[in-house]
Structures are given as C-alpha cells and as structure tokens.
Amino acid sequence: MKKKAAFGLVLGGGGARGLAHVGALRALNHLGHYPSVVAGVSMGAVVAATYALNDC
C-alpha cells in the first residue's frame, strides 16, 4: 500500500484571496488530499484557523 505524502499549506492575506483559499481547501478535500499543517497571515490565518477547528 502506497503511503500518502504529508504536506503543509500556507495561505496568504487579502479578503478576496481568503475566499479563494476556502475553494482551494474544499477542492483538495474533495480529491482526498488533507494538509497536515495549515498556516496563514491576515485573512489566510482566519481561514486556516477555521479549517483547523472544523477538521479536528
């Protein structure tokens, strides 16, 4: 059985970019890819924290 590679996701700042981050995370999850670590700055930090809280 092949082990999936672990990866981290860094999200940038900006309101519109924050909405794009949500879509990117949903698409990754839909494809079966789940980041081991999420981090961000400004709006990216809000999205990363929300994702981390809902993903536990």
PDB file of N, CA and C in Angstrom:
ATOM      1  N   MET A   1       0.852  -1.177   0.000  1.00  0.00           N
ATOM      2  CA  MET A   1       0.000   0.000   0.000  1.00  0.00           C
ATOM      3  C   MET A   1       0.894   1.236   0.000  1.00  0.00           C
ATOM      4  N   LYS A   2       0.602   2.160  -0.875  1.00  0.00           N
ATOM      5  CA  LYS A   2       1.403   3.376  -1.001  1.00  0.00           C
ATOM      6  C   LYS A   2       0.952   4.406   0.035  1.00  0.00           C
ATOM      7  N   LYS A   3       1.925   4.942   0.783  1.00  0.00           N
ATOM      8  CA  LYS A   3       1.647   5.950   1.796  1.00  0.00           C
ATOM      9  C   LYS A   3       1.539   7.321   1.145  1.00  0.00           C
ATOM     10  N   LYS A   4       0.503   8.100   1.532  1.00  0.00           N
ATOM     11  CA  LYS A   4       0.345   9.455   1.005  1.00  0.00           C
ATOM     12  C   LYS A   4       1.375  10.377   1.634  1.00  0.00           C
ATOM     13  N   ALA A   5       1.892  11.280   0.838  1.00  0.00           N
ATOM     14  CA  ALA A   5       2.869  12.249   1.320  1.00  0.00           C
ATOM     15  C   ALA A   5       2.151  13.308   2.168  1.00  0.00           C
ATOM     16  N   ALA A   6       2.764  13.671   3.278  1.00  0.00           N
ATOM     17  CA  ALA A   6       2.228  14.739   4.118  1.00  0.00           C
ATOM     18  C   ALA A   6       2.651  16.081   3.536  1.00  0.00           C
ATOM     19  N   PHE A   7       1.769  17.056   3.633  1.00  0.00           N
ATOM     20  CA  PHE A   7       2.117  18.385   3.131  1.00  0.00           C
ATOM     21  C   PHE A   7       1.459  19.449   3.993  1.00  0.00           C
ATOM     22  N   GLY A   8       2.074  20.624   3.990  1.00  0.00           N
ATOM     23  CA  GLY A   8       1.540  21.775   4.696  1.00  0.00           C
ATOM     24  C   GLY A   8       1.023  22.794   3.702  1.00  0.00           C
ATOM     25  N   LEU A   9       0.119  23.633   4.143  1.00  0.00           N
ATOM     26  CA  LEU A   9      -0.480  24.635   3.275  1.00  0.00           C
ATOM     27  C   LEU A   9      -0.339  25.997   3.936  1.00  0.00           C
ATOM     28  N   VAL A  10       0.216  26.971   3.198  1.00  0.00           N
ATOM     29  CA  VAL A  10       0.384  28.331   3.694  1.00  0.00           C
ATOM     30  C   VAL A  10      -0.547  29.235   2.902  1.00  0.00           C
ATOM     31  N   LEU A  11      -1.371  29.993   3.610  1.00  0.00           N
ATOM     32  CA  LEU A  11      -2.376  30.845   2.984  1.00  0.00           C
ATOM     33  C   LEU A  11      -2.003  32.310   3.165  1.00  0.00           C
ATOM     34  N   GLY A  12      -2.118  33.078   2.104  1.00  0.00           N
ATOM     35  CA  GLY A  12      -1.766  34.497   2.132  1.00  0.00           C
ATOM     36  C   GLY A  12      -2.916  35.371   2.596  1.00  0.00           C
ATOM     37  N   GLY A  13      -2.648  36.663   2.678  1.00  0.00           N
ATOM     38  CA  GLY A  13      -3.626  37.623   3.159  1.00  0.00           C
ATOM     39  C   GLY A  13      -4.458  38.216   2.048  1.00  0.00           C
ATOM     40  N   GLY A  14      -5.517  38.914   2.427  1.00  0.00           N
ATOM     41  CA  GLY A  14      -6.399  39.584   1.479  1.00  0.00           C
ATOM     42  C   GLY A  14      -7.785  38.978   1.516  1.00  0.00           C
ATOM     43  N   GLY A  15      -8.801  39.832   1.513  1.00  0.00           N
ATOM     44  CA  GLY A  15     -10.186  39.360   1.624  1.00  0.00           C
ATOM     45  C   GLY A  15     -10.621  38.451   0.496  1.00  0.00           C
ATOM     46  N   ALA A  16     -10.416  38.875  -0.746  1.00  0.00           N
ATOM     47  CA  ALA A  16     -10.824  38.058  -1.893  1.00  0.00           C
ATOM     48  C   ALA A  16      -9.995  36.787  -1.974  1.00  0.00           C
ATOM     49  N   ARG A  17      -8.733  36.889  -1.634  1.00  0.00           N
ATOM     50  CA  ARG A  17      -7.864  35.717  -1.651  1.00  0.00           C
ATOM     51  C   ARG A  17      -8.317  34.708  -0.594  1.00  0.00           C
ATOM     52  N   GLY A  18      -8.844  35.203   0.526  1.00  0.00           N
ATOM     53  CA  GLY A  18      -9.358  34.322   1.574  1.00  0.00           C
ATOM     54  C   GLY A  18     -10.496  33.457   1.069  1.00  0.00           C
ATOM     55  N   LEU A  19     -11.363  34.040   0.251  1.00  0.00           N
ATOM     56  CA  LEU A  19     -12.451  33.254  -0.342  1.00  0.00           C
ATOM     57  C   LEU A  19     -11.906  32.206  -1.305  1.00  0.00           C
ATOM     58  N   ALA A  20     -10.861  32.554  -2.025  1.00  0.00           N
ATOM     59  CA  ALA A  20     -10.231  31.585  -2.931  1.00  0.00           C
ATOM     60  C   ALA A  20      -9.597  30.446  -2.147  1.00  0.00           C
ATOM     61  N   HIS A  21      -9.051  30.745  -0.967  1.00  0.00           N
ATOM     62  CA  HIS A  21      -8.459  29.707  -0.125  1.00  0.00           C
ATOM     63  C   HIS A  21      -9.511  28.676   0.291  1.00  0.00           C
ATOM     64  N   VAL A  22     -10.707  29.163   0.611  1.00  0.00           N
ATOM     65  CA  VAL A  22     -11.787  28.257   1.008  1.00  0.00           C
ATOM     66  C   VAL A  22     -12.092  27.295  -0.136  1.00  0.00           C
ATOM     67  N   GLY A  23     -12.181  27.807  -1.346  1.00  0.00           N
ATOM     68  CA  GLY A  23     -12.445  26.962  -2.509  1.00  0.00           C
ATOM     69  C   GLY A  23     -11.326  25.974  -2.766  1.00  0.00           C
ATOM     70  N   ALA A  24     -10.090  26.419  -2.594  1.00  0.00           N
ATOM     71  CA  ALA A  24      -8.952  25.524  -2.811  1.00  0.00           C
ATOM     72  C   ALA A  24      -8.936  24.404  -1.775  1.00  0.00           C
ATOM     73  N   LEU A  25      -9.213  24.726  -0.523  1.00  0.00           N
ATOM     74  CA  LEU A  25      -9.266  23.700   0.523  1.00  0.00           C
ATOM     75  C   LEU A  25     -10.390  22.696   0.265  1.00  0.00           C
ATOM     76  N   ARG A  26     -11.536  23.186  -0.171  1.00  0.00           N
ATOM     77  CA  ARG A  26     -12.647  22.276  -0.484  1.00  0.00           C
ATOM     78  C   ARG A  26     -12.294  21.360  -1.642  1.00  0.00           C
ATOM     79  N   ALA A  27     -11.624  21.903  -2.658  1.00  0.00           N
ATOM     80  CA  ALA A  27     -11.232  21.084  -3.801  1.00  0.00           C
ATOM     81  C   ALA A  27     -10.210  20.027  -3.399  1.00  0.00           C
ATOM     82  N   LEU A  28      -9.222  20.409  -2.579  1.00  0.00           N
ATOM     83  CA  LEU A  28      -8.238  19.440  -2.103  1.00  0.00           C
ATOM     84  C   LEU A  28      -8.908  18.325  -1.309  1.00  0.00           C
ATOM     85  N   ASN A  29      -9.819  18.689  -0.415  1.00  0.00           N
ATOM     86  CA  ASN A  29     -10.520  17.686   0.380  1.00  0.00           C
ATOM     87  C   ASN A  29     -11.369  16.777  -0.496  1.00  0.00           C
ATOM     88  N   HIS A  30     -12.008  17.341  -1.484  1.00  0.00           N
ATOM     89  CA  HIS A  30     -12.830  16.555  -2.414  1.00  0.00           C
ATOM     90  C   HIS A  30     -11.990  15.513  -3.141  1.00  0.00           C
ATOM     91  N   LEU A  31     -10.739  15.850  -3.433  1.00  0.00           N
ATOM     92  CA  LEU A  31      -9.837  14.931  -4.123  1.00  0.00           C
ATOM     93  C   LEU A  31      -9.137  13.966  -3.166  1.00  0.00           C
ATOM     94  N   GLY A  32      -9.394  14.111  -1.869  1.00  0.00           N
ATOM     95  CA  GLY A  32      -8.810  13.204  -0.892  1.00  0.00           C
ATOM     96  C   GLY A  32      -7.461  13.633  -0.359  1.00  0.00           C
ATOM     97  N   HIS A  33      -7.104  14.887  -0.550  1.00  0.00           N
ATOM     98  CA  HIS A  33      -5.835  15.421  -0.047  1.00  0.00           C
ATOM     99  C   HIS A  33      -6.120  16.318   1.152  1.00  0.00           C
ATOM    100  N   TYR A  34      -5.539  15.959   2.296  1.00  0.00           N
ATOM    101  CA  TYR A  34      -5.765  16.706   3.522  1.00  0.00           C
ATOM    102  C   TYR A  34      -4.424  17.196   4.056  1.00  0.00           C
ATOM    103  N   PRO A  35      -4.245  18.524   4.163  1.00  0.00           N
ATOM    104  CA  PRO A  35      -2.966  19.037   4.659  1.00  0.00           C
ATOM    105  C   PRO A  35      -2.741  18.655   6.119  1.00  0.00           C
ATOM    106  N   SER A  36      -1.487  18.362   6.451  1.00  0.00           N
ATOM    107  CA  SER A  36      -1.128  18.034   7.828  1.00  0.00           C
ATOM    108  C   SER A  36      -1.030  19.293   8.675  1.00  0.00           C
ATOM    109  N   VAL A  37      -0.627  20.398   8.057  1.00  0.00           N
ATOM    110  CA  VAL A  37      -0.436  21.672   8.743  1.00  0.00           C
ATOM    111  C   VAL A  37      -1.015  22.775   7.874  1.00  0.00           C
ATOM    112  N   VAL A  38      -1.721  23.717   8.484  1.00  0.00           N
ATOM    113  CA  VAL A  38      -2.195  24.906   7.774  1.00  0.00           C
ATOM    114  C   VAL A  38      -1.737  26.133   8.542  1.00  0.00           C
ATOM    115  N   ALA A  39      -1.303  27.146   7.816  1.00  0.00           N
ATOM    116  CA  ALA A  39      -0.855  28.398   8.423  1.00  0.00           C
ATOM    117  C   ALA A  39      -1.236  29.531   7.490  1.00  0.00           C
ATOM    118  N   GLY A  40      -1.286  30.731   8.009  1.00  0.00           N
ATOM    119  CA  GLY A  40      -1.634  31.851   7.157  1.00  0.00           C
ATOM    120  C   GLY A  40      -1.365  33.176   7.834  1.00  0.00           C
ATOM    121  N   VAL A  41      -1.559  34.229   7.052  1.00  0.00           N
ATOM    122  CA  VAL A  41      -1.395  35.591   7.540  1.00  0.00           C
ATOM    123  C   VAL A  41      -2.653  36.367   7.167  1.00  0.00           C
ATOM    124  N   SER A  42      -3.106  37.237   8.050  1.00  0.00           N
ATOM    125  CA  SER A  42      -4.276  38.067   7.842  1.00  0.00           C
ATOM    126  C   SER A  42      -5.495  37.182   7.581  1.00  0.00           C
ATOM    127  N   MET A  43      -6.184  37.369   6.471  1.00  0.00           N
ATOM    128  CA  MET A  43      -7.380  36.571   6.171  1.00  0.00           C
ATOM    129  C   MET A  43      -7.033  35.093   5.989  1.00  0.00           C
ATOM    130  N   GLY A  44      -5.841  34.808   5.528  1.00  0.00           N
ATOM    131  CA  GLY A  44      -5.405  33.421   5.401  1.00  0.00           C
ATOM    132  C   GLY A  44      -5.327  32.738   6.756  1.00  0.00           C
ATOM    133  N   ALA A  45      -4.952  33.485   7.792  1.00  0.00           N
ATOM    134  CA  ALA A  45      -4.899  32.933   9.144  1.00  0.00           C
ATOM    135  C   ALA A  45      -6.302  32.617   9.660  1.00  0.00           C
ATOM    136  N   VAL A  46      -7.266  33.464   9.312  1.00  0.00           N
ATOM    137  CA  VAL A  46      -8.656  33.214   9.712  1.00  0.00           C
ATOM    138  C   VAL A  46      -9.162  31.940   9.041  1.00  0.00           C
ATOM    139  N   VAL A  47      -8.903  31.799   7.756  1.00  0.00           N
ATOM    140  CA  VAL A  47      -9.331  30.601   7.020  1.00  0.00           C
ATOM    141  C   VAL A  47      -8.626  29.364   7.561  1.00  0.00           C
ATOM    142  N   ALA A  48      -7.315  29.468   7.822  1.00  0.00           N
ATOM    143  CA  ALA A  48      -6.555  28.335   8.343  1.00  0.00           C
ATOM    144  C   ALA A  48      -7.064  27.908   9.713  1.00  0.00           C
ATOM    145  N   ALA A  49      -7.356  28.875  10.587  1.00  0.00           N
ATOM    146  CA  ALA A  49      -7.858  28.547  11.918  1.00  0.00           C
ATOM    147  C   ALA A  49      -9.239  27.913  11.841  1.00  0.00           C
ATOM    148  N   THR A  50     -10.093  28.447  10.991  1.00  0.00           N
ATOM    149  CA  THR A  50     -11.432  27.890  10.826  1.00  0.00           C
ATOM    150  C   THR A  50     -11.358  26.472  10.281  1.00  0.00           C
ATOM    151  N   TYR A  51     -10.492  26.253   9.309  1.00  0.00           N
ATOM    152  CA  TYR A  51     -10.310  24.909   8.749  1.00  0.00           C
ATOM    153  C   TYR A  51      -9.804  23.952   9.812  1.00  0.00           C
ATOM    154  N   ALA A  52      -8.831  24.388  10.594  1.00  0.00           N
ATOM    155  CA  ALA A  52      -8.266  23.536  11.643  1.00  0.00           C
ATOM    156  C   ALA A  52      -9.314  23.196  12.709  1.00  0.00           C
ATOM    157  N   LEU A  53     -10.139  24.146  13.089  1.00  0.00           N
ATOM    158  CA  LEU A  53     -11.160  23.884  14.085  1.00  0.00           C
ATOM    159  C   LEU A  53     -12.227  22.926  13.583  1.00  0.00           C
ATOM    160  N   ASN A  54     -12.620  23.055  12.346  1.00  0.00           N
ATOM    161  CA  ASN A  54     -13.667  22.199  11.784  1.00  0.00           C
ATOM    162  C   ASN A  54     -13.136  20.842  11.371  1.00  0.00           C
ATOM    163  N   ASP A  55     -11.845  20.706  11.198  1.00  0.00           N
ATOM    164  CA  ASP A  55     -11.257  19.472  10.689  1.00  0.00           C
ATOM    165  C   ASP A  55     -10.906  18.496  11.805  1.00  0.00           C
ATOM    166  N   CYS A  56     -10.884  18.948  13.064  1.00  0.00           N
ATOM    167  CA  CYS A  56     -10.459  18.076  14.175  1.00  0.00           C
ATOM    168  C   CYS A  56     -11.514  17.061  14.519  1.00  0.00           C
TER     169      CYS A  56
END
